[in-house]
Amino acid sequence: MRKRLTLSAVAVASTLLLAACSSAPAPAPESPSPTEAATETASPSEEPAPSGAELVVWVDENRQPAVADAAAKFEAETGATVSLVVKNFADIRTDFIAQAPTGEGPDIIVGAHDWTGALVTAGVVETIDLGDKAGAFEKVALDAFAYDGQLYGLPYALEAIALVQNVDLVGTEAPATWDDMIAKGKEAGTERAVVINVSATGDGYTSYGFQTSFGAPVFEQDESGSYTTTVGMGGENGVAFAKFLAENGQKGEGHFTTDIDYDINQALFSEGKAPYTIQGPWAIGAYTDAGIEVAVNPIPKAGDETPAPFVGVQGFYVSAQSQNKLLANEFLVNYIATEEAQQALYDADPRIPAFTAVAEKVAADPIVAGFYASASAGVPMPSIPEMGLVWDLWNAAEAAIITGSEPEATWNKMVEDLEAAIAG
């Protein structure tokens, strides 16, 4: 269902929602990073908006009130008009790619960072100039919207998984390592020391924090934060992670098992049968409803490096076909990238803010603080098209290793097959 609203018709109430949460060559050496590009170019123009100028913004129902408030201020101060089109979030990307080339699409959309590769490839989004506002955002949020050395989105929210623990069973102290966590989990005397999503098809997303602690990222990133097509999972670091999975799989310690999917995980933790789990903020409501007091901490390392789970980032894009690109950039940088607007976006849809000042404020809540710490150490989910080739091969290899396949050969075959698929 779609509704077209002028600001005078925009409702000011919104139901709070804690939401659940997909070949870019490396840029030439002289290409500036997104942050550098933002700070080296001029700030948005302070000239008055052209008479009759209009910005059309596609936004979902949850974020519409916060965007409307910022738009009302923008209208009053610039003389421009902002029209909000409320759409189902799931429809925005597809409709935008279809309509933008015709000139019938919006000037601005709200969206997820992992749309970036598809949007850039389709030629429908413009780069963003943050000016001196770049320093106000979390680095991982800027990296998420970086593609081929350029910044294509204004971030506003972060989302990541973290270690969730049952306070009554293991207290609030964060275990520093996998071994520490397992030892404390066993001391709790529960059915399982930890419960982790795997399922029969594998779940590389949930185990990625452990994988990166071995220094084996899915793809390598360049200095700008953009992902390259170089697979980072190969070599001795990847093999070390594969052996870790085998040692803790069904023929080893049994901490990873394909018998446990998301729903079983939720049930076991909610019933107090495991003191630790790896989950996102979307799972917390079920635990508190079950009477479990939880603490949230960063994922403990299984290797020698700091775990870097995948981070999902949401934000705003400017259409490459907009007739008012500078005005759209000004609206985002001077009216959305403010502490007031970012707080309003959080209040409307409480995800971790990408705007550091607001993130630090809402992190007074210890549960939010735990997810914020995890996201701050994380890396963006790759948005390059090649990521679509990863999931089936990667998940299947992990599931096979967990159920007993020889880890080194299985992992190396996965990497080899992925590199071949990318090479085409």
Protein backbone atom coordinates (compact mmCIF):
# COMPACT_ATOMS: atom_id res chain seq x y z
CA MET A 1 0.00 0.00 0.00
CA ARG A 2 1.27 3.43 -0.91
CA LYS A 3 0.23 6.81 0.41
CA ARG A 4 1.35 10.20 -0.81
CA LEU A 5 1.44 12.78 1.95
CA THR A 6 2.18 16.45 2.05
CA LEU A 7 3.69 17.61 5.30
CA SER A 8 0.42 19.08 6.46
CA ALA A 9 -1.12 15.62 6.30
CA VAL A 10 1.70 13.71 7.98
CA ALA A 11 0.79 11.98 11.22
CA VAL A 12 3.04 12.64 14.18
CA ALA A 13 2.69 9.31 15.96
CA SER A 14 4.52 6.07 15.21
CA THR A 15 4.63 2.67 16.87
CA LEU A 16 8.07 1.93 18.27
CA LEU A 17 9.62 -1.07 16.62
CA LEU A 18 12.73 -3.04 17.43
CA ALA A 19 13.30 -4.53 13.99
CA ALA A 20 15.04 -7.74 13.02
CA CYS A 21 17.28 -7.04 11.48
CA SER A 22 22.99 -8.42 1.22
CA SER A 23 32.83 -6.83 -8.77
CA ALA A 24 33.79 -3.69 -7.15
CA PRO A 25 37.43 -3.14 -8.11
CA ALA A 26 39.71 -1.49 -5.60
CA PRO A 27 39.81 2.27 -6.22
CA ALA A 28 42.86 3.83 -7.79
CA PRO A 29 45.44 4.91 -5.20
CA GLU A 30 44.70 8.57 -5.74
CA SER A 31 40.99 8.14 -5.02
CA PRO A 32 40.07 9.75 -1.68
CA SER A 33 38.29 7.79 0.98
CA PRO A 34 34.60 8.63 1.52
CA THR A 35 35.50 10.62 4.60
CA GLU A 36 38.29 12.49 2.81
CA ALA A 37 36.05 13.20 -0.14
CA ALA A 38 33.43 14.59 2.21
CA THR A 39 35.80 16.88 4.04
CA GLU A 40 37.72 18.13 1.00
CA THR A 41 34.69 19.33 -0.91
CA ALA A 42 32.68 22.42 -0.14
CA SER A 43 29.84 22.40 2.34
CA PRO A 44 26.33 22.31 0.91
CA SER A 45 25.24 25.58 -0.63
CA GLU A 46 23.67 28.20 1.59
CA GLU A 47 21.90 29.78 -1.39
CA PRO A 48 18.10 29.80 -1.08
CA ALA A 49 16.29 26.92 -2.75
CA PRO A 50 14.98 27.60 -6.26
CA SER A 51 11.41 28.87 -6.24
CA GLY A 52 9.02 25.93 -6.33
CA ALA A 53 11.74 23.34 -5.72
CA GLU A 54 10.38 20.05 -4.44
CA LEU A 55 12.02 16.99 -2.94
CA VAL A 56 10.18 13.69 -3.01
CA VAL A 57 11.27 11.26 -0.28
CA TRP A 58 10.32 7.59 -0.10
CA VAL A 59 10.18 6.46 3.51
CA ASP A 60 8.61 3.62 5.44
CA GLU A 61 5.91 4.08 8.05
CA ASN A 62 8.21 3.68 11.06
CA ARG A 63 10.58 6.48 10.10
CA GLN A 64 8.07 8.77 8.48
CA PRO A 65 7.29 10.95 11.54
CA ALA A 66 10.97 11.70 12.24
CA VAL A 67 11.67 12.55 8.59
CA ALA A 68 8.52 14.70 8.52
CA ASP A 69 9.72 16.78 11.46
CA ALA A 70 13.07 17.42 9.78
CA ALA A 71 11.33 18.20 6.49
CA ALA A 72 9.02 20.74 8.14
CA LYS A 73 12.05 22.65 9.44
CA PHE A 74 13.72 22.41 6.04
CA GLU A 75 10.63 23.81 4.33
CA ALA A 76 10.40 26.70 6.75
CA GLU A 77 14.05 27.67 6.35
CA THR A 78 14.57 27.09 2.61
CA GLY A 79 11.19 27.68 0.97
CA ALA A 80 11.38 24.29 -0.73
CA THR A 81 8.67 21.66 -0.51
CA VAL A 82 9.18 18.11 0.72
CA SER A 83 6.64 15.44 -0.16
CA LEU A 84 6.82 12.14 1.67
CA VAL A 85 5.69 8.93 0.02
CA VAL A 86 5.12 6.19 2.60
CA LYS A 87 5.97 2.74 1.20
CA ASN A 88 6.53 -0.75 2.50
CA PHE A 89 10.25 -0.99 3.23
CA ALA A 90 10.47 -4.29 1.33
CA ASP A 91 9.26 -2.59 -1.86
CA ILE A 92 11.53 0.44 -1.88
CA ARG A 93 14.65 -1.00 -3.53
CA THR A 94 12.86 -2.81 -6.36
CA ASP A 95 10.51 0.09 -7.11
CA PHE A 96 13.36 2.61 -6.99
CA ILE A 97 15.54 0.65 -9.44
CA ALA A 98 12.56 0.36 -11.78
CA GLN A 99 11.38 3.99 -11.59
CA ALA A 100 14.53 6.07 -11.12
CA PRO A 101 15.79 5.70 -14.72
CA THR A 102 12.45 7.00 -16.03
CA GLY A 103 12.71 10.22 -14.04
CA GLU A 104 9.54 9.30 -12.16
CA GLY A 105 11.22 8.12 -8.99
CA PRO A 106 11.98 10.05 -5.78
CA ASP A 107 14.88 12.34 -4.95
CA ILE A 108 15.71 10.48 -1.72
CA ILE A 109 14.96 7.02 -0.33
CA VAL A 110 15.50 5.35 3.00
CA GLY A 111 17.22 1.99 2.66
CA ALA A 112 19.75 -0.59 3.83
CA HIS A 113 23.47 -0.33 3.12
CA ASP A 114 23.61 -3.74 1.47
CA TRP A 115 21.51 -2.35 -1.37
CA THR A 116 24.46 -0.17 -2.37
CA GLY A 117 26.06 -2.58 -4.82
CA ALA A 118 22.81 -3.15 -6.70
CA LEU A 119 21.94 0.55 -6.72
CA VAL A 120 25.38 1.65 -7.94
CA THR A 121 25.45 -1.07 -10.58
CA ALA A 122 22.02 0.08 -11.79
CA GLY A 123 23.29 3.67 -11.93
CA VAL A 124 20.43 5.04 -9.84
CA VAL A 125 22.23 6.61 -6.84
CA GLU A 126 24.43 9.68 -6.43
CA THR A 127 27.40 10.11 -4.11
CA ILE A 128 26.85 11.93 -0.83
CA ASP A 129 28.91 14.91 0.37
CA LEU A 130 28.90 14.98 4.17
CA GLY A 131 31.22 17.95 4.49
CA ASP A 132 32.44 18.37 8.04
CA LYS A 133 29.61 16.12 9.31
CA ALA A 134 31.60 13.00 8.37
CA GLY A 135 33.35 12.98 11.74
CA ALA A 136 30.00 12.82 13.54
CA PHE A 137 29.31 9.27 12.36
CA GLU A 138 30.61 5.86 13.40
CA LYS A 139 33.34 4.70 11.03
CA VAL A 140 31.65 1.35 10.40
CA ALA A 141 28.55 3.23 9.25
CA LEU A 142 30.51 5.25 6.68
CA ASP A 143 32.36 2.14 5.54
CA ALA A 144 29.02 0.42 4.99
CA PHE A 145 27.96 2.97 2.37
CA ALA A 146 31.40 3.09 0.73
CA TYR A 147 31.60 1.58 -2.74
CA ASP A 148 34.59 1.82 -5.04
CA GLY A 149 36.05 4.55 -2.82
CA GLN A 150 32.96 6.75 -2.84
CA LEU A 151 30.24 7.39 -0.25
CA TYR A 152 26.71 6.66 -1.46
CA GLY A 153 24.54 7.03 1.61
CA LEU A 154 23.91 9.03 4.75
CA PRO A 155 23.86 6.43 7.57
CA TYR A 156 21.57 6.67 10.55
CA ALA A 157 21.31 3.27 12.30
CA LEU A 158 23.44 0.21 13.09
CA GLU A 159 22.54 -3.36 13.89
CA ALA A 160 24.76 -6.28 14.94
CA ILE A 161 24.68 -9.50 16.90
CA ALA A 162 26.47 -9.87 20.23
CA LEU A 163 26.94 -12.23 23.15
CA VAL A 164 23.78 -12.46 25.26
CA GLN A 165 24.09 -14.03 28.68
CA ASN A 166 21.74 -15.11 31.44
CA VAL A 167 22.63 -12.94 34.43
CA ASP A 168 21.27 -15.39 37.00
CA LEU A 169 23.48 -18.18 35.63
CA VAL A 170 26.75 -16.43 34.72
CA GLY A 171 26.49 -12.83 35.89
CA THR A 172 27.21 -9.78 33.77
CA GLU A 173 30.97 -10.04 33.30
CA ALA A 174 32.00 -10.47 29.67
CA PRO A 175 34.13 -13.54 28.92
CA ALA A 176 37.20 -12.44 26.97
CA THR A 177 37.73 -15.67 25.06
CA TRP A 178 35.79 -18.64 23.75
CA ASP A 179 37.51 -20.89 26.30
CA ASP A 180 36.54 -18.55 29.17
CA MET A 181 32.93 -18.58 28.01
CA ILE A 182 32.78 -22.37 27.70
CA ALA A 183 34.34 -22.87 31.13
CA LYS A 184 31.82 -20.52 32.77
CA GLY A 185 29.00 -22.07 30.78
CA LYS A 186 29.90 -25.55 32.01
CA GLU A 187 30.11 -24.29 35.59
CA ALA A 188 26.51 -23.11 35.28
CA GLY A 189 25.44 -26.75 35.12
CA THR A 190 22.91 -26.24 32.32
CA GLU A 191 22.06 -28.56 29.44
CA ARG A 192 24.42 -26.69 27.15
CA ALA A 193 27.31 -24.28 27.82
CA VAL A 194 26.32 -22.10 24.86
CA VAL A 195 23.69 -22.26 22.16
CA ILE A 196 24.48 -21.00 18.63
CA ASN A 197 22.39 -20.91 15.47
CA VAL A 198 23.61 -23.33 12.82
CA SER A 199 20.72 -25.34 11.31
CA ALA A 200 21.08 -27.99 8.62
CA THR A 201 22.08 -25.43 6.00
CA GLY A 202 24.74 -23.65 8.09
CA ASP A 203 24.84 -20.09 9.39
CA GLY A 204 28.01 -18.21 8.53
CA TYR A 205 26.39 -14.95 9.61
CA THR A 206 26.10 -15.98 13.27
CA SER A 207 29.59 -17.52 13.47
CA TYR A 208 31.31 -14.67 11.61
CA GLY A 209 32.57 -12.97 14.77
CA PHE A 210 34.49 -16.13 15.64
CA GLN A 211 35.77 -16.44 12.07
CA THR A 212 37.13 -12.89 11.98
CA SER A 213 38.88 -13.47 15.29
CA PHE A 214 41.07 -15.86 13.28
CA GLY A 215 41.76 -13.11 10.73
CA ALA A 216 39.70 -14.68 7.94
CA PRO A 217 37.26 -12.09 6.52
CA VAL A 218 34.92 -13.05 3.69
CA PHE A 219 36.35 -10.30 1.46
CA GLU A 220 39.22 -7.91 2.01
CA GLN A 221 38.56 -4.18 2.39
CA ASP A 222 40.68 -1.39 0.92
CA GLU A 223 41.83 1.72 2.78
CA SER A 224 38.56 3.56 2.04
CA GLY A 225 36.51 0.81 3.69
CA SER A 226 35.16 -0.42 0.34
CA TYR A 227 35.11 -4.17 -0.17
CA THR A 228 37.28 -5.67 -2.88
CA THR A 229 36.57 -8.95 -4.65
CA THR A 230 39.60 -10.58 -3.04
CA VAL A 231 38.45 -13.50 -0.90
CA GLY A 232 39.97 -13.24 2.58
CA MET A 233 38.94 -16.64 3.91
CA GLY A 234 41.75 -18.66 2.36
CA GLY A 235 45.14 -19.61 3.73
CA GLU A 236 46.15 -20.69 7.19
CA ASN A 237 43.78 -18.30 8.99
CA GLY A 238 40.75 -19.75 7.28
CA VAL A 239 41.94 -23.28 7.91
CA ALA A 240 42.47 -22.46 11.61
CA PHE A 241 38.85 -21.34 11.85
CA ALA A 242 37.68 -24.47 10.04
CA LYS A 243 39.57 -26.62 12.54
CA PHE A 244 37.98 -24.64 15.39
CA LEU A 245 34.54 -25.48 13.97
CA ALA A 246 35.46 -29.16 13.73
CA GLU A 247 36.84 -29.27 17.27
CA ASN A 248 33.64 -27.73 18.58
CA GLY A 249 31.30 -29.52 16.16
CA GLN A 250 29.21 -32.63 16.47
CA LYS A 251 32.18 -35.02 16.51
CA GLY A 252 34.05 -32.78 18.92
CA GLU A 253 32.78 -30.77 21.88
CA GLY A 254 29.30 -30.40 20.39
CA HIS A 255 28.91 -26.66 20.89
CA PHE A 256 28.07 -26.21 17.20
CA THR A 257 25.37 -28.54 15.92
CA THR A 258 23.14 -28.49 12.86
CA ASP A 259 20.25 -29.58 15.11
CA ILE A 260 19.95 -26.02 16.45
CA ASP A 261 18.27 -23.38 14.35
CA TYR A 262 17.02 -19.94 15.40
CA ASP A 263 13.77 -21.18 16.98
CA ILE A 264 15.43 -23.96 18.95
CA ASN A 265 18.11 -21.53 20.06
CA GLN A 266 15.46 -19.14 21.32
CA ALA A 267 13.66 -21.89 23.20
CA LEU A 268 16.76 -23.28 24.89
CA PHE A 269 17.99 -19.89 26.07
CA SER A 270 14.51 -18.71 27.13
CA GLU A 271 14.07 -21.89 29.18
CA GLY A 272 17.38 -21.39 31.00
CA LYS A 273 18.99 -24.44 29.37
CA ALA A 274 22.02 -22.44 28.20
CA PRO A 275 23.65 -19.42 29.84
CA TYR A 276 25.08 -17.92 26.63
CA THR A 277 23.88 -17.34 23.09
CA ILE A 278 24.84 -15.20 20.09
CA GLN A 279 21.87 -13.12 19.01
CA GLY A 280 20.74 -9.70 17.84
CA PRO A 281 18.56 -7.08 19.52
CA TRP A 282 15.48 -8.56 17.86
CA ALA A 283 15.72 -11.57 20.20
CA ILE A 284 15.79 -9.71 23.50
CA GLY A 285 12.03 -9.27 23.85
CA ALA A 286 11.46 -13.02 23.90
CA TYR A 287 14.01 -13.45 26.68
CA THR A 288 12.60 -10.73 28.89
CA ASP A 289 9.06 -12.04 28.28
CA ALA A 290 10.32 -15.39 29.57
CA GLY A 291 11.62 -13.73 32.73
CA ILE A 292 15.30 -14.01 31.81
CA GLU A 293 17.49 -11.14 32.96
CA VAL A 294 20.11 -10.65 30.27
CA ALA A 295 23.40 -8.87 29.83
CA VAL A 296 24.85 -8.08 26.40
CA ASN A 297 28.58 -8.02 25.66
CA PRO A 298 30.88 -8.21 22.63
CA ILE A 299 31.46 -11.66 21.16
CA PRO A 300 34.47 -13.36 22.81
CA LYS A 301 37.41 -14.16 20.57
CA ALA A 302 38.22 -17.71 19.55
CA GLY A 303 41.40 -16.69 17.69
CA ASP A 304 43.90 -13.96 18.43
CA GLU A 305 42.07 -10.99 16.90
CA THR A 306 39.08 -8.92 17.98
CA PRO A 307 35.83 -10.44 16.69
CA ALA A 308 34.20 -8.34 13.97
CA PRO A 309 30.60 -9.45 13.41
CA PHE A 310 28.65 -8.28 10.40
CA VAL A 311 26.96 -4.91 10.86
CA GLY A 312 23.82 -3.87 9.05
CA VAL A 313 23.44 -0.13 8.48
CA GLN A 314 20.40 1.83 7.41
CA GLY A 315 20.40 5.29 5.90
CA PHE A 316 19.36 7.52 3.02
CA TYR A 317 20.29 7.55 -0.66
CA VAL A 318 20.03 10.38 -3.24
CA SER A 319 18.77 9.51 -6.71
CA ALA A 320 21.19 9.92 -9.61
CA GLN A 321 18.20 11.16 -11.63
CA SER A 322 17.15 13.83 -9.14
CA GLN A 323 16.75 17.30 -10.63
CA ASN A 324 17.64 18.75 -7.22
CA LYS A 325 20.71 16.77 -6.13
CA LEU A 326 22.37 19.64 -4.26
CA LEU A 327 19.14 20.41 -2.46
CA ALA A 328 18.69 16.75 -1.56
CA ASN A 329 22.24 16.62 -0.22
CA GLU A 330 21.59 19.76 1.82
CA PHE A 331 18.44 18.28 3.32
CA LEU A 332 20.28 15.14 4.40
CA VAL A 333 23.44 16.81 5.69
CA ASN A 334 21.93 19.85 7.41
CA TYR A 335 18.52 18.52 8.52
CA ILE A 336 18.79 14.72 8.87
CA ALA A 337 22.41 14.59 10.08
CA THR A 338 21.65 16.52 13.26
CA GLU A 339 21.45 15.32 16.82
CA GLU A 340 17.78 16.29 16.99
CA ALA A 341 16.79 14.39 13.84
CA GLN A 342 18.94 11.38 14.68
CA GLN A 343 17.38 11.16 18.14
CA ALA A 344 13.93 11.35 16.56
CA LEU A 345 14.83 8.52 14.17
CA TYR A 346 15.97 6.42 17.13
CA ASP A 347 12.78 7.18 19.04
CA ALA A 348 10.69 6.14 16.03
CA ASP A 349 12.64 2.94 15.29
CA PRO A 350 15.08 2.10 18.11
CA ARG A 351 18.16 0.77 16.36
CA ILE A 352 21.65 1.81 17.46
CA PRO A 353 22.28 5.30 16.06
CA ALA A 354 25.09 5.74 13.54
CA PHE A 355 25.44 9.33 14.77
CA THR A 356 27.99 8.99 17.59
CA ALA A 357 26.60 11.63 19.94
CA VAL A 358 23.17 10.00 19.96
CA ALA A 359 24.63 6.49 20.16
CA GLU A 360 26.58 7.42 23.26
CA LYS A 361 23.47 8.93 24.82
CA VAL A 362 21.20 5.92 24.28
CA ALA A 363 24.01 3.58 25.36
CA ALA A 364 23.19 4.57 28.93
CA ASP A 365 20.97 1.49 28.63
CA PRO A 366 23.37 -1.41 29.28
CA ILE A 367 21.68 -3.68 26.73
CA VAL A 368 22.00 -1.03 24.04
CA ALA A 369 25.58 -0.44 25.17
CA GLY A 370 26.44 -4.10 24.62
CA PHE A 371 25.11 -4.14 21.07
CA TYR A 372 26.74 -0.78 20.38
CA ALA A 373 30.13 -2.11 21.50
CA SER A 374 29.71 -5.16 19.28
CA ALA A 375 28.69 -3.07 16.26
CA SER A 376 31.53 -0.61 16.79
CA ALA A 377 34.03 -3.47 16.51
CA GLY A 378 32.22 -4.99 13.55
CA VAL A 379 32.42 -4.69 9.78
CA PRO A 380 29.66 -3.92 7.28
CA MET A 381 27.93 -6.79 5.57
CA PRO A 382 29.52 -6.69 2.09
CA SER A 383 27.27 -4.95 -0.43
CA ILE A 384 29.24 -5.93 -3.53
CA PRO A 385 27.36 -8.18 -5.98
CA GLU A 386 29.87 -10.99 -5.40
CA MET A 387 28.48 -11.49 -1.89
CA GLY A 388 25.54 -13.24 -3.51
CA LEU A 389 27.92 -15.99 -4.58
CA VAL A 390 29.19 -16.52 -1.04
CA TRP A 391 26.27 -17.64 1.08
CA ASP A 392 25.44 -21.10 -0.27
CA LEU A 393 29.06 -22.23 -0.59
CA TRP A 394 30.11 -20.77 2.76
CA ASN A 395 27.15 -22.03 4.78
CA ALA A 396 27.32 -25.49 3.24
CA ALA A 397 31.03 -25.80 4.03
CA GLU A 398 30.47 -24.81 7.65
CA ALA A 399 27.58 -27.25 8.06
CA ALA A 400 29.68 -30.05 6.55
CA ILE A 401 32.62 -29.35 8.85
CA ILE A 402 30.37 -29.18 11.90
CA THR A 403 28.86 -32.57 11.05
CA GLY A 404 32.25 -34.21 10.57
CA SER A 405 33.79 -33.47 7.17
CA GLU A 406 37.56 -33.04 7.14
CA PRO A 407 37.95 -29.30 7.93
CA GLU A 408 40.97 -28.27 5.90
CA ALA A 409 39.98 -29.94 2.65
CA THR A 410 36.34 -28.85 2.96
CA TRP A 411 37.22 -25.25 3.70
CA ASN A 412 39.85 -24.97 0.96
CA LYS A 413 37.45 -26.48 -1.60
CA MET A 414 34.86 -23.85 -0.62
CA VAL A 415 37.38 -21.03 -1.09
CA GLU A 416 38.50 -22.48 -4.42
CA ASP A 417 34.91 -22.78 -5.67
CA LEU A 418 34.10 -19.24 -4.56
CA GLU A 419 37.14 -17.76 -6.30
CA ALA A 420 36.23 -19.66 -9.46
CA ALA A 421 32.65 -18.37 -9.31
CA ILE A 422 33.86 -14.80 -8.89
CA ALA A 423 36.28 -15.16 -11.79
CA GLY A 424 33.29 -16.19 -13.89
